[in-house]
Each structure stands twice: as structure tokens, then as C-alpha cells.
Amino acid sequence: MISGQDRAPAPGRTRWLRLAVVMVPTLVVSGGVVASMATGALAASFGVSANSFTVSGQSFQISADSLSGKGFQQYGVLDRGKRATYPEALTGVRSADLRNLCQSVVQQVPVLGPVTLSLTAGTGRTPVHADRLIADAHDLKGDASFKNIEIGRDASTVDAVPGVAGPEGGFALQSDTIDIKRLRQETRSVSAATFKLPGLHLTVKRGDHSCF
């Protein structure tokens, strides 16, 4: 006879147990973030974004063949939506040029399914130019180089982008210049004092036509 201890688990039971093992750490971390936000501990490390508008919460993509900037700084911030708060890395550049810029967001539309709003610019000789460019990103990739970089600077003391600084005691980076090749970025908010888009082309298409 097969004892109760040796009996094979009922179909599906093993899968549910595995799911529980995976989900418990995630729920613990999520609970810790909520508790930290409630007590203000997270806000002490993450400043309020310089992009003061209320965000939709929708993540969108930005790509460029290259970004060349003067005056770079980065530190943690919170983007605030109507129903949620999103921790992001504020990336500020005092003056930036981007070549072959692409920006896309995919929306799920009833009946139609996914619809992509995309924008391209700077595909010719003249690059896209932005002053006081602020992007709150949660994923950024590329081949980067910096000049005179400072890592671990107090976020309240950064001054590469005038008028933009983080919370006292927050962790920050700062450098005189930044150059990124093959930029790939996911973000929830972007702002700029000026934004010049030569060769602007905006399209709305059914389906997923993301930048990358």
C-alpha cells in the first residue's frame, strides 16, 4: 500500500505550491514598500519628481542612436498618479542632442486591440535638441560614457541642472557630460524647457509598433 506521505499530490497542487513560494517574497517586498510610503520613509530617500504633473502611469519607450549632453544628474524620485505612486530614477540633462529619436506608447483599445502612438524626429543632419531635459525612467540601457562623474553625491547638492535637486541624504550621480550610444529607455514622464524636433513625424497605427 502507498502511505499518505508517499501519495502523489493531486493534479495542480504542486503548481499552486510553487506559485505560493514565488509570490510570498514578492508580496513581502510590496508590503514593505507600501508601509514605507505610509510612514514617509520612502519619501525621505526618493524626492518628488521635478515633473510636477500627475502621471497616467503608462510606461512608454524612448530610443535614440545617440544622446550627447552637458550637465547630467540622476537620483531617485516618486512620480505621482491618480491612484498610485511610481518610484523612478530622475535623469536630468541641462542641454541634450539626440539623433534618430523615437518615442512610442501602446494603448489597449476596446474592440481594436493594441494601438501604437509613435513619434520620430532628428533622423536627418539636424539632431533633436532639448534644454533642461527631465526624464523619470525605470529602465535605461545603452553604451554610456561620462566626464568628471561623481557617484554617491548627496541628492540635495546636485547642481548640473539649475533648479533641480533631490532630497537631503538621497543617493545621486552627477557629471559634466554624458554620451549614450544606442539609448533604450522606459519611462513614465518627460519634460523639457525647450524641445526642438526637426523632421517630426507622428503616427497612430493598430498593433504593437514600439520603438524597440
Protein backbone atom coordinates (compact mmCIF):
# COMPACT_ATOMS: atom_id res chain seq x y z
CA MET A 1 0.00 0.00 0.00
CA ILE A 2 1.02 3.59 -0.57
CA SER A 3 1.07 5.65 2.61
CA GLY A 4 -0.41 9.13 2.81
CA GLN A 5 3.12 10.54 2.86
CA ASP A 6 4.07 8.75 -0.37
CA ARG A 7 0.85 9.50 -2.23
CA ALA A 8 1.35 11.76 -5.30
CA PRO A 9 -0.12 15.24 -4.91
CA ALA A 10 -3.44 15.95 -6.56
CA PRO A 11 -3.22 17.46 -10.05
CA GLY A 12 -2.48 21.17 -9.86
CA ARG A 13 -1.45 21.12 -6.20
CA THR A 14 2.27 21.20 -6.98
CA ARG A 15 1.81 24.15 -9.32
CA TRP A 16 -0.10 26.11 -6.68
CA LEU A 17 2.58 25.38 -4.08
CA ARG A 18 5.29 26.58 -6.44
CA LEU A 19 3.30 29.72 -7.20
CA ALA A 20 2.94 30.40 -3.47
CA VAL A 21 6.70 30.04 -2.95
CA VAL A 22 7.33 32.55 -5.75
CA MET A 23 4.62 35.00 -4.67
CA VAL A 24 5.40 35.22 -0.94
CA PRO A 25 8.70 37.16 -1.31
CA THR A 26 7.02 39.47 -3.85
CA LEU A 27 4.13 40.19 -1.50
CA VAL A 28 6.51 40.81 1.38
CA VAL A 29 8.51 43.32 -0.67
CA SER A 30 5.34 45.01 -1.96
CA GLY A 31 4.00 45.25 1.59
CA GLY A 32 7.28 46.78 2.74
CA VAL A 33 7.12 49.44 0.01
CA VAL A 34 3.54 50.34 0.94
CA ALA A 35 4.44 50.54 4.61
CA SER A 36 7.50 52.67 3.86
CA MET A 37 5.44 55.06 1.78
CA ALA A 38 2.83 55.30 4.54
CA THR A 39 5.44 56.21 7.14
CA GLY A 40 7.27 58.60 4.85
CA ALA A 41 10.50 56.54 4.89
CA LEU A 42 10.49 56.05 1.13
CA ALA A 43 9.83 59.74 0.52
CA ALA A 44 12.92 60.54 2.58
CA SER A 45 15.08 58.63 0.07
CA PHE A 46 13.09 59.41 -3.08
CA GLY A 47 12.25 63.04 -3.75
CA VAL A 48 9.15 64.26 -5.55
CA SER A 49 9.78 64.41 -9.28
CA ALA A 50 10.67 67.71 -10.91
CA ASN A 51 7.97 66.71 -13.42
CA SER A 52 5.26 68.01 -11.10
CA PHE A 53 2.29 66.98 -13.28
CA THR A 54 0.14 63.97 -12.39
CA VAL A 55 1.25 60.99 -14.48
CA SER A 56 -1.03 58.49 -16.20
CA GLY A 57 1.14 55.62 -15.00
CA GLN A 58 1.50 54.32 -18.55
CA SER A 59 5.06 53.30 -19.37
CA PHE A 60 6.39 54.44 -22.76
CA GLN A 61 9.57 53.88 -24.75
CA ILE A 62 12.24 56.28 -25.92
CA SER A 63 15.14 55.30 -28.15
CA ALA A 64 17.89 57.18 -29.95
CA ASP A 65 21.01 56.29 -31.89
CA SER A 66 22.89 58.68 -29.61
CA LEU A 67 22.41 61.21 -26.83
CA SER A 68 25.08 63.83 -26.15
CA GLY A 69 24.52 66.03 -23.15
CA LYS A 70 26.10 68.68 -20.96
CA GLY A 71 25.31 68.77 -17.25
CA PHE A 72 23.99 65.37 -16.10
CA GLN A 73 22.47 64.29 -12.79
CA GLN A 74 20.41 61.35 -11.54
CA TYR A 75 18.64 60.41 -8.30
CA GLY A 76 15.52 58.61 -7.07
CA VAL A 77 12.09 60.26 -7.29
CA LEU A 78 8.42 59.39 -6.97
CA ASP A 79 6.06 60.02 -9.87
CA ARG A 80 2.52 60.54 -8.59
CA GLY A 81 -0.54 59.27 -10.43
CA LYS A 82 -4.24 59.49 -9.60
CA ARG A 83 -4.27 56.08 -7.91
CA ALA A 84 -0.62 55.07 -7.48
CA THR A 85 2.91 56.28 -6.86
CA TYR A 86 5.82 55.09 -9.01
CA PRO A 87 9.48 55.04 -7.91
CA GLU A 88 11.69 56.22 -10.78
CA ALA A 89 15.21 57.44 -11.49
CA LEU A 90 15.16 61.11 -12.44
CA THR A 91 17.65 61.69 -15.25
CA GLY A 92 18.31 65.38 -15.80
CA VAL A 93 20.41 66.86 -18.61
CA ARG A 94 20.98 70.61 -18.88
CA SER A 95 21.47 70.54 -22.67
CA ALA A 96 20.99 67.45 -24.87
CA ASP A 97 21.20 66.49 -28.54
CA LEU A 98 19.57 63.23 -29.71
CA ARG A 99 19.90 61.60 -33.12
CA ASN A 100 17.20 59.40 -34.63
CA LEU A 101 14.78 59.86 -31.74
CA CYS A 102 11.80 57.52 -31.39
CA GLN A 103 9.05 57.67 -28.77
CA SER A 104 6.19 55.18 -28.58
CA VAL A 105 3.31 54.20 -26.32
CA VAL A 106 0.97 51.25 -26.82
CA GLN A 107 -2.64 51.58 -25.64
CA GLN A 108 -5.17 48.75 -25.39
CA VAL A 109 -8.34 49.95 -27.09
CA PRO A 110 -11.63 48.02 -26.77
CA VAL A 111 -12.53 46.12 -29.96
CA LEU A 112 -9.43 47.41 -31.82
CA GLY A 113 -6.86 45.85 -29.50
CA PRO A 114 -3.37 47.40 -29.22
CA VAL A 115 -2.87 50.81 -30.85
CA THR A 116 0.56 52.49 -31.04
CA LEU A 117 1.15 56.23 -30.92
CA SER A 118 4.70 56.87 -32.13
CA LEU A 119 6.83 59.93 -32.77
CA THR A 120 10.13 60.20 -34.63
CA ALA A 121 12.44 63.18 -35.20
CA GLY A 122 16.08 64.07 -35.76
CA THR A 123 16.56 61.48 -38.48
CA GLY A 124 18.46 63.86 -40.80
CA ARG A 125 21.51 66.05 -40.30
CA THR A 126 19.98 68.15 -37.53
CA PRO A 127 19.52 66.36 -34.18
CA VAL A 128 16.70 66.83 -31.72
CA HIS A 129 17.69 69.43 -29.13
CA ALA A 130 16.35 69.80 -25.58
CA ASP A 131 17.17 72.19 -22.74
CA ARG A 132 16.56 71.17 -19.12
CA LEU A 133 15.52 67.68 -20.20
CA ILE A 134 14.00 65.69 -17.31
CA ALA A 135 13.06 62.02 -17.78
CA ASP A 136 11.81 59.78 -14.97
CA ALA A 137 12.87 56.29 -16.07
CA HIS A 138 12.59 52.79 -14.61
CA ASP A 139 14.73 51.08 -17.25
CA LEU A 140 17.64 52.52 -19.23
CA LYS A 141 20.15 50.76 -21.49
CA GLY A 142 22.98 51.82 -23.77
CA ASP A 143 26.72 52.32 -24.02
CA ALA A 144 27.47 55.32 -21.80
CA SER A 145 30.48 57.49 -21.09
CA PHE A 146 30.82 60.35 -18.60
CA LYS A 147 33.26 63.16 -17.94
CA ASN A 148 34.11 64.10 -14.33
CA ILE A 149 31.48 61.82 -12.81
CA GLU A 150 30.62 61.89 -9.10
CA ILE A 151 28.84 58.82 -7.70
CA GLY A 152 27.25 58.87 -4.25
CA ARG A 153 26.78 62.62 -4.03
CA ASP A 154 24.03 63.93 -1.74
CA ALA A 155 20.99 64.46 -3.97
CA SER A 156 20.22 67.81 -2.34
CA THR A 157 23.57 69.23 -3.52
CA VAL A 158 23.49 68.37 -7.25
CA ASP A 159 23.69 71.45 -9.47
CA ALA A 160 24.26 70.21 -13.02
CA VAL A 161 20.68 71.19 -13.93
CA PRO A 162 19.84 74.52 -12.28
CA GLY A 163 16.78 74.41 -10.05
CA VAL A 164 16.56 70.59 -9.96
CA ALA A 165 17.73 68.75 -6.83
CA GLY A 166 16.69 65.77 -4.73
CA PRO A 167 16.08 65.07 -1.03
CA GLU A 168 18.75 65.60 1.60
CA GLY A 169 20.64 62.37 2.15
CA GLY A 170 19.43 60.86 -1.13
CA PHE A 171 21.88 58.98 -3.35
CA ALA A 172 22.80 60.81 -6.58
CA LEU A 173 25.14 60.83 -9.57
CA GLN A 174 26.47 63.90 -11.35
CA SER A 175 28.84 64.54 -14.26
CA ASP A 176 29.94 67.35 -16.56
CA THR A 177 28.90 65.44 -19.69
CA ILE A 178 27.08 62.27 -20.72
CA ASP A 179 27.19 60.39 -24.02
CA ILE A 180 25.00 57.35 -24.67
CA LYS A 181 25.05 55.22 -27.80
CA ARG A 182 22.04 53.02 -28.66
CA LEU A 183 19.82 54.55 -25.96
CA ARG A 184 16.86 52.39 -24.91
CA GLN A 185 14.70 53.80 -22.12
CA GLU A 186 11.34 53.06 -20.50
CA THR A 187 9.81 55.95 -18.61
CA ARG A 188 6.57 57.41 -17.27
CA SER A 189 7.21 61.14 -17.64
CA VAL A 190 9.41 63.55 -19.62
CA SER A 191 9.61 67.33 -19.62
CA ALA A 192 11.89 69.97 -21.13
CA ALA A 193 12.20 73.75 -21.03
CA THR A 194 12.63 73.69 -24.82
CA PHE A 195 12.26 70.73 -27.19
CA LYS A 196 13.19 71.17 -30.87
CA LEU A 197 12.09 68.30 -33.12
CA PRO A 198 13.38 68.63 -36.71
CA GLY A 199 11.63 66.29 -39.14
CA LEU A 200 8.82 65.49 -36.69
CA HIS A 201 6.63 62.57 -37.75
CA LEU A 202 3.72 61.34 -35.60
CA THR A 203 1.73 58.21 -36.45
CA VAL A 204 -1.13 56.21 -34.91
CA LYS A 205 -1.28 52.57 -36.01
CA ARG A 206 -3.16 49.46 -34.99
CA GLY A 207 -0.92 46.80 -33.47
CA ASP A 208 2.28 46.99 -31.45
CA HIS A 209 4.86 49.16 -33.25
CA SER A 210 7.08 50.00 -30.29
CA CYS A 211 10.44 51.73 -30.75
CA PHE A 212 12.26 48.57 -29.60
